[in-house]
């Protein structure tokens, strides 16, 4: 096949600075993962998550497509996948972990799993 090159052939002449830049981009992409990719990386199915959340599979599919959801719903999803949600605010001076989301809405029943669009 003419015109096709291996990745290593394409990057062999990169400077150390360019390699470092590529690694930085790669790390950033790995750190930002949509929910469905996270679930797949953990070898879980939507049905697995649905069972842990006590909802049906279409509710999980809907949740994974959302671009906006309640923090409590996101926390529930992450916990169903075996993780723990942390909210970090980034400022020029440094990062601050926001802790009060674990209490917000618990008594108000604000979960949007299978609900709000």
N, C-alpha and C. Protein backbone atom coordinates (compact mmCIF):
# COMPACT_ATOMS: atom_id res chain seq x y z
N UNK A 1 0.84 -1.18 0.00
CA UNK A 1 0.00 0.00 0.00
C UNK A 1 0.88 1.24 0.00
N UNK A 2 0.84 1.97 -1.06
CA UNK A 2 1.64 3.19 -1.11
C UNK A 2 0.90 4.31 -0.38
N UNK A 3 1.69 5.20 0.20
CA UNK A 3 1.11 6.32 0.92
C UNK A 3 0.76 6.03 2.37
N UNK A 4 0.90 4.79 2.82
CA UNK A 4 0.60 4.43 4.20
C UNK A 4 1.92 4.25 4.96
N UNK A 5 1.99 4.85 6.12
CA UNK A 5 3.19 4.77 6.95
C UNK A 5 2.78 4.40 8.37
N UNK A 6 3.66 3.71 9.06
CA UNK A 6 3.38 3.40 10.46
C UNK A 6 3.52 4.68 11.28
N UNK A 7 2.85 4.70 12.43
CA UNK A 7 2.91 5.87 13.30
C UNK A 7 4.35 6.15 13.72
N UNK A 8 5.09 5.09 14.03
CA UNK A 8 6.48 5.29 14.45
C UNK A 8 7.32 5.93 13.34
N UNK A 9 7.04 5.59 12.08
CA UNK A 9 7.75 6.22 10.96
C UNK A 9 7.40 7.70 10.86
N UNK A 10 6.15 8.02 11.12
CA UNK A 10 5.70 9.41 11.02
C UNK A 10 6.27 10.27 12.13
N UNK A 11 6.54 9.68 13.28
CA UNK A 11 6.99 10.47 14.44
C UNK A 11 8.49 10.34 14.74
N UNK A 12 9.20 9.57 13.96
CA UNK A 12 10.61 9.32 14.28
C UNK A 12 11.47 10.57 14.27
N UNK A 13 11.10 11.58 13.51
CA UNK A 13 11.90 12.80 13.43
C UNK A 13 11.40 13.91 14.35
N UNK A 14 10.46 13.61 15.23
CA UNK A 14 9.95 14.62 16.16
C UNK A 14 11.06 15.03 17.12
N UNK A 15 11.09 16.32 17.42
CA UNK A 15 12.03 16.82 18.43
C UNK A 15 11.54 16.37 19.81
N UNK A 16 12.42 16.37 20.81
CA UNK A 16 11.97 16.04 22.17
C UNK A 16 10.83 16.96 22.65
N UNK A 17 10.89 18.23 22.26
CA UNK A 17 9.83 19.16 22.65
C UNK A 17 8.50 18.77 22.02
N UNK A 18 8.53 18.38 20.76
CA UNK A 18 7.29 17.98 20.09
C UNK A 18 6.76 16.68 20.67
N UNK A 19 7.64 15.74 20.99
CA UNK A 19 7.21 14.49 21.64
C UNK A 19 6.54 14.78 22.98
N UNK A 20 7.13 15.71 23.74
CA UNK A 20 6.56 16.08 25.03
C UNK A 20 5.18 16.72 24.84
N UNK A 21 5.04 17.55 23.82
CA UNK A 21 3.76 18.18 23.53
C UNK A 21 2.71 17.12 23.17
N UNK A 22 3.08 16.16 22.36
CA UNK A 22 2.18 15.07 21.97
C UNK A 22 1.77 14.27 23.20
N UNK A 23 2.71 13.98 24.08
CA UNK A 23 2.40 13.24 25.31
C UNK A 23 1.46 14.04 26.21
N UNK A 24 1.63 15.36 26.24
CA UNK A 24 0.76 16.22 27.04
C UNK A 24 -0.67 16.18 26.50
N UNK A 25 -0.81 16.25 25.19
CA UNK A 25 -2.13 16.17 24.57
C UNK A 25 -2.75 14.80 24.85
N UNK A 26 -1.96 13.76 24.72
CA UNK A 26 -2.44 12.40 24.98
C UNK A 26 -2.93 12.26 26.42
N UNK A 27 -2.18 12.77 27.37
CA UNK A 27 -2.58 12.69 28.78
C UNK A 27 -3.86 13.47 29.02
N UNK A 28 -4.01 14.63 28.37
CA UNK A 28 -5.21 15.44 28.52
C UNK A 28 -6.43 14.69 27.97
N UNK A 29 -6.27 14.06 26.81
CA UNK A 29 -7.37 13.31 26.22
C UNK A 29 -7.77 12.13 27.10
N UNK A 30 -6.79 11.46 27.68
CA UNK A 30 -7.09 10.33 28.56
C UNK A 30 -7.77 10.78 29.85
N UNK A 31 -7.48 12.00 30.30
CA UNK A 31 -8.07 12.51 31.53
C UNK A 31 -9.50 12.98 31.33
N UNK A 32 -9.90 13.20 30.10
CA UNK A 32 -11.25 13.69 29.79
C UNK A 32 -11.96 12.60 29.00
N UNK A 33 -12.79 11.85 29.70
CA UNK A 33 -13.41 10.69 29.09
C UNK A 33 -14.92 10.75 29.26
N UNK A 34 -15.68 10.63 28.17
CA UNK A 34 -17.14 10.56 28.30
C UNK A 34 -17.55 9.35 29.13
N UNK A 35 -18.73 9.42 29.73
CA UNK A 35 -19.20 8.34 30.60
C UNK A 35 -19.21 6.98 29.90
N UNK A 36 -19.69 6.93 28.65
CA UNK A 36 -19.75 5.63 27.98
C UNK A 36 -18.38 5.04 27.76
N UNK A 37 -17.36 5.88 27.51
CA UNK A 37 -15.99 5.37 27.35
C UNK A 37 -15.43 4.89 28.69
N UNK A 38 -15.76 5.62 29.75
CA UNK A 38 -15.34 5.19 31.09
C UNK A 38 -15.94 3.83 31.40
N UNK A 39 -17.24 3.68 31.14
CA UNK A 39 -17.91 2.41 31.40
C UNK A 39 -17.27 1.28 30.61
N UNK A 40 -17.00 1.53 29.35
CA UNK A 40 -16.36 0.50 28.51
C UNK A 40 -14.95 0.17 28.99
N UNK A 41 -14.21 1.20 29.40
CA UNK A 41 -12.85 0.97 29.90
C UNK A 41 -12.86 0.11 31.17
N UNK A 42 -13.95 0.19 31.92
CA UNK A 42 -14.10 -0.61 33.13
C UNK A 42 -14.75 -1.97 32.85
N UNK A 43 -14.96 -2.27 31.57
CA UNK A 43 -15.58 -3.53 31.12
C UNK A 43 -16.96 -3.73 31.74
N UNK A 44 -17.73 -2.63 31.80
CA UNK A 44 -19.10 -2.69 32.30
C UNK A 44 -20.07 -2.45 31.16
N UNK A 45 -21.25 -3.00 31.27
CA UNK A 45 -22.30 -2.76 30.28
C UNK A 45 -23.29 -1.75 30.84
N UNK A 46 -24.12 -1.21 29.96
CA UNK A 46 -25.18 -0.32 30.42
C UNK A 46 -26.11 -1.08 31.37
N UNK A 47 -26.29 -2.35 31.10
CA UNK A 47 -27.14 -3.17 31.97
C UNK A 47 -26.54 -3.29 33.37
N UNK A 48 -25.21 -3.42 33.45
CA UNK A 48 -24.54 -3.46 34.76
C UNK A 48 -24.81 -2.18 35.55
N UNK A 49 -24.63 -1.04 34.88
CA UNK A 49 -24.85 0.25 35.53
C UNK A 49 -26.32 0.39 35.93
N UNK A 50 -27.22 0.01 35.02
CA UNK A 50 -28.65 0.10 35.30
C UNK A 50 -29.04 -0.70 36.53
N UNK A 51 -28.49 -1.90 36.65
CA UNK A 51 -28.79 -2.73 37.82
C UNK A 51 -28.33 -2.07 39.11
N UNK A 52 -27.14 -1.48 39.09
CA UNK A 52 -26.61 -0.82 40.29
C UNK A 52 -27.41 0.44 40.64
N UNK A 53 -27.97 1.10 39.62
CA UNK A 53 -28.74 2.32 39.85
C UNK A 53 -30.23 2.03 40.05
N UNK A 54 -30.63 0.78 39.83
CA UNK A 54 -32.04 0.38 39.94
C UNK A 54 -32.93 1.13 38.94
N UNK A 55 -32.42 1.25 37.70
CA UNK A 55 -33.17 1.84 36.59
C UNK A 55 -33.06 0.88 35.41
N UNK A 56 -33.75 1.19 34.32
CA UNK A 56 -33.64 0.34 33.14
C UNK A 56 -32.47 0.79 32.25
N UNK A 57 -32.06 -0.08 31.35
CA UNK A 57 -30.90 0.18 30.48
C UNK A 57 -31.09 1.43 29.62
N UNK A 58 -32.30 1.69 29.04
CA UNK A 58 -32.45 2.92 28.26
C UNK A 58 -32.20 4.19 29.07
N UNK A 59 -32.48 4.16 30.38
CA UNK A 59 -32.20 5.33 31.22
C UNK A 59 -30.70 5.59 31.30
N UNK A 60 -29.92 4.53 31.32
CA UNK A 60 -28.46 4.68 31.36
C UNK A 60 -27.97 5.22 30.01
N UNK A 61 -28.51 4.70 28.93
CA UNK A 61 -28.13 5.19 27.60
C UNK A 61 -28.43 6.68 27.47
N UNK A 62 -29.58 7.09 27.96
CA UNK A 62 -29.98 8.49 27.93
C UNK A 62 -29.02 9.34 28.77
N UNK A 63 -28.70 8.83 29.93
CA UNK A 63 -27.78 9.54 30.83
C UNK A 63 -26.41 9.74 30.18
N UNK A 64 -25.93 8.72 29.49
CA UNK A 64 -24.60 8.81 28.86
C UNK A 64 -24.57 9.81 27.72
N UNK A 65 -25.71 10.12 27.14
CA UNK A 65 -25.77 11.10 26.03
C UNK A 65 -25.92 12.53 26.51
N UNK A 66 -26.26 12.72 27.77
CA UNK A 66 -26.51 14.06 28.30
C UNK A 66 -25.24 14.89 28.36
N UNK A 67 -25.41 16.16 28.11
CA UNK A 67 -24.29 17.09 28.29
C UNK A 67 -24.47 17.90 29.57
N UNK A 68 -25.65 17.76 30.20
CA UNK A 68 -25.93 18.48 31.44
C UNK A 68 -26.77 17.57 32.33
N UNK A 69 -26.35 17.39 33.56
CA UNK A 69 -27.09 16.55 34.50
C UNK A 69 -26.81 17.01 35.91
N UNK A 70 -27.64 16.55 36.84
CA UNK A 70 -27.41 16.85 38.24
C UNK A 70 -26.13 16.19 38.71
N UNK A 71 -25.45 16.86 39.63
CA UNK A 71 -24.23 16.31 40.21
C UNK A 71 -24.56 15.00 40.93
N UNK A 72 -25.71 14.94 41.59
CA UNK A 72 -26.09 13.72 42.31
C UNK A 72 -26.26 12.54 41.36
N UNK A 73 -26.78 12.79 40.16
CA UNK A 73 -26.92 11.71 39.18
C UNK A 73 -25.57 11.24 38.67
N UNK A 74 -24.68 12.20 38.41
CA UNK A 74 -23.33 11.84 37.98
C UNK A 74 -22.63 11.05 39.06
N UNK A 75 -22.76 11.50 40.32
CA UNK A 75 -22.15 10.79 41.44
C UNK A 75 -22.67 9.36 41.52
N UNK A 76 -23.99 9.19 41.37
CA UNK A 76 -24.58 7.85 41.43
C UNK A 76 -24.02 6.96 40.32
N UNK A 77 -23.88 7.50 39.12
CA UNK A 77 -23.34 6.74 37.99
C UNK A 77 -21.91 6.32 38.29
N UNK A 78 -21.09 7.26 38.74
CA UNK A 78 -19.69 6.96 39.03
C UNK A 78 -19.58 5.92 40.13
N UNK A 79 -20.40 6.03 41.16
CA UNK A 79 -20.38 5.04 42.23
C UNK A 79 -20.85 3.67 41.74
N UNK A 80 -21.84 3.66 40.83
CA UNK A 80 -22.30 2.39 40.25
C UNK A 80 -21.19 1.71 39.46
N UNK A 81 -20.27 2.52 38.92
CA UNK A 81 -19.13 1.99 38.17
C UNK A 81 -17.96 1.63 39.10
N UNK A 82 -18.14 1.87 40.39
CA UNK A 82 -17.10 1.50 41.35
C UNK A 82 -16.17 2.64 41.74
N UNK A 83 -16.51 3.86 41.35
CA UNK A 83 -15.64 4.99 41.64
C UNK A 83 -16.21 5.92 42.68
N UNK A 84 -15.56 7.06 42.84
CA UNK A 84 -15.98 8.11 43.77
C UNK A 84 -15.80 9.44 43.06
N UNK A 85 -16.84 10.26 43.02
CA UNK A 85 -16.79 11.54 42.31
C UNK A 85 -16.14 12.62 43.17
N UNK A 86 -15.20 13.35 42.59
CA UNK A 86 -14.60 14.52 43.22
C UNK A 86 -14.78 15.69 42.28
N UNK A 87 -15.20 16.83 42.81
CA UNK A 87 -15.35 18.05 42.03
C UNK A 87 -14.18 18.96 42.39
N UNK A 88 -13.40 19.34 41.38
CA UNK A 88 -12.23 20.18 41.57
C UNK A 88 -12.40 21.47 40.78
N UNK A 89 -12.29 22.59 41.44
CA UNK A 89 -12.30 23.90 40.77
C UNK A 89 -10.86 24.32 40.54
N UNK A 90 -10.56 24.72 39.31
CA UNK A 90 -9.20 25.14 38.97
C UNK A 90 -9.14 26.66 38.87
N UNK A 91 -8.17 27.24 39.54
CA UNK A 91 -7.93 28.67 39.52
C UNK A 91 -6.46 28.90 39.18
N UNK A 92 -6.11 30.09 38.72
CA UNK A 92 -4.69 30.36 38.44
C UNK A 92 -3.81 30.11 39.67
N UNK A 93 -4.37 30.33 40.85
CA UNK A 93 -3.60 30.16 42.08
C UNK A 93 -3.50 28.71 42.52
N UNK A 94 -4.33 27.84 41.97
CA UNK A 94 -4.32 26.43 42.36
C UNK A 94 -5.70 25.81 42.27
N UNK A 95 -5.80 24.59 42.77
CA UNK A 95 -7.05 23.83 42.71
C UNK A 95 -7.71 23.78 44.08
N UNK A 96 -9.05 23.72 44.05
CA UNK A 96 -9.83 23.62 45.28
C UNK A 96 -10.84 22.49 45.10
N UNK A 97 -10.84 21.54 46.03
CA UNK A 97 -11.82 20.46 46.01
C UNK A 97 -13.12 20.98 46.61
N UNK A 98 -14.21 20.84 45.89
CA UNK A 98 -15.52 21.28 46.35
C UNK A 98 -16.20 20.09 47.03
N UNK A 99 -16.56 20.25 48.29
CA UNK A 99 -17.05 19.10 49.05
C UNK A 99 -18.54 19.12 49.32
N UNK A 100 -19.23 20.24 49.17
CA UNK A 100 -20.62 20.29 49.58
C UNK A 100 -21.60 19.61 48.62
N UNK A 101 -21.18 19.13 47.47
CA UNK A 101 -22.10 18.46 46.55
C UNK A 101 -22.58 17.12 47.07
N UNK A 102 -21.86 16.53 47.99
CA UNK A 102 -22.29 15.24 48.51
C UNK A 102 -23.54 15.35 49.35
N UNK A 103 -23.87 16.54 49.81
CA UNK A 103 -25.05 16.74 50.64
C UNK A 103 -26.20 17.37 49.87
N UNK A 104 -25.91 18.12 48.80
CA UNK A 104 -26.93 18.88 48.09
C UNK A 104 -27.94 17.95 47.43
N UNK A 105 -29.20 18.22 47.64
CA UNK A 105 -30.27 17.52 46.94
C UNK A 105 -30.60 16.14 47.44
N UNK A 106 -29.87 15.62 48.40
CA UNK A 106 -30.12 14.26 48.87
C UNK A 106 -31.53 14.10 49.39
N UNK A 107 -32.03 15.08 50.13
CA UNK A 107 -33.37 14.97 50.69
C UNK A 107 -34.43 15.49 49.74
N UNK A 108 -34.02 16.16 48.65
CA UNK A 108 -34.97 16.74 47.72
C UNK A 108 -35.31 15.79 46.59
N UNK A 109 -34.64 14.65 46.49
CA UNK A 109 -34.92 13.70 45.42
C UNK A 109 -34.65 14.28 44.04
N UNK A 110 -33.50 14.92 43.87
CA UNK A 110 -33.22 15.61 42.62
C UNK A 110 -32.56 14.73 41.56
N UNK A 111 -32.53 13.46 41.75
CA UNK A 111 -31.90 12.59 40.77
C UNK A 111 -32.63 12.65 39.44
N UNK A 112 -31.87 12.79 38.34
CA UNK A 112 -32.51 12.84 37.04
C UNK A 112 -32.27 11.58 36.24
N UNK A 113 -31.92 10.51 36.88
CA UNK A 113 -31.73 9.25 36.18
C UNK A 113 -33.08 8.85 35.60
N UNK A 114 -33.13 8.78 34.28
CA UNK A 114 -34.36 8.38 33.61
C UNK A 114 -35.41 9.46 33.60
N UNK A 115 -35.09 10.64 34.08
CA UNK A 115 -36.08 11.72 34.19
C UNK A 115 -35.78 12.88 33.28
N UNK A 116 -35.37 13.98 33.83
CA UNK A 116 -35.14 15.24 33.16
C UNK A 116 -34.33 15.09 31.88
N UNK A 117 -34.68 15.80 30.87
CA UNK A 117 -33.98 15.76 29.57
C UNK A 117 -33.11 16.96 29.42
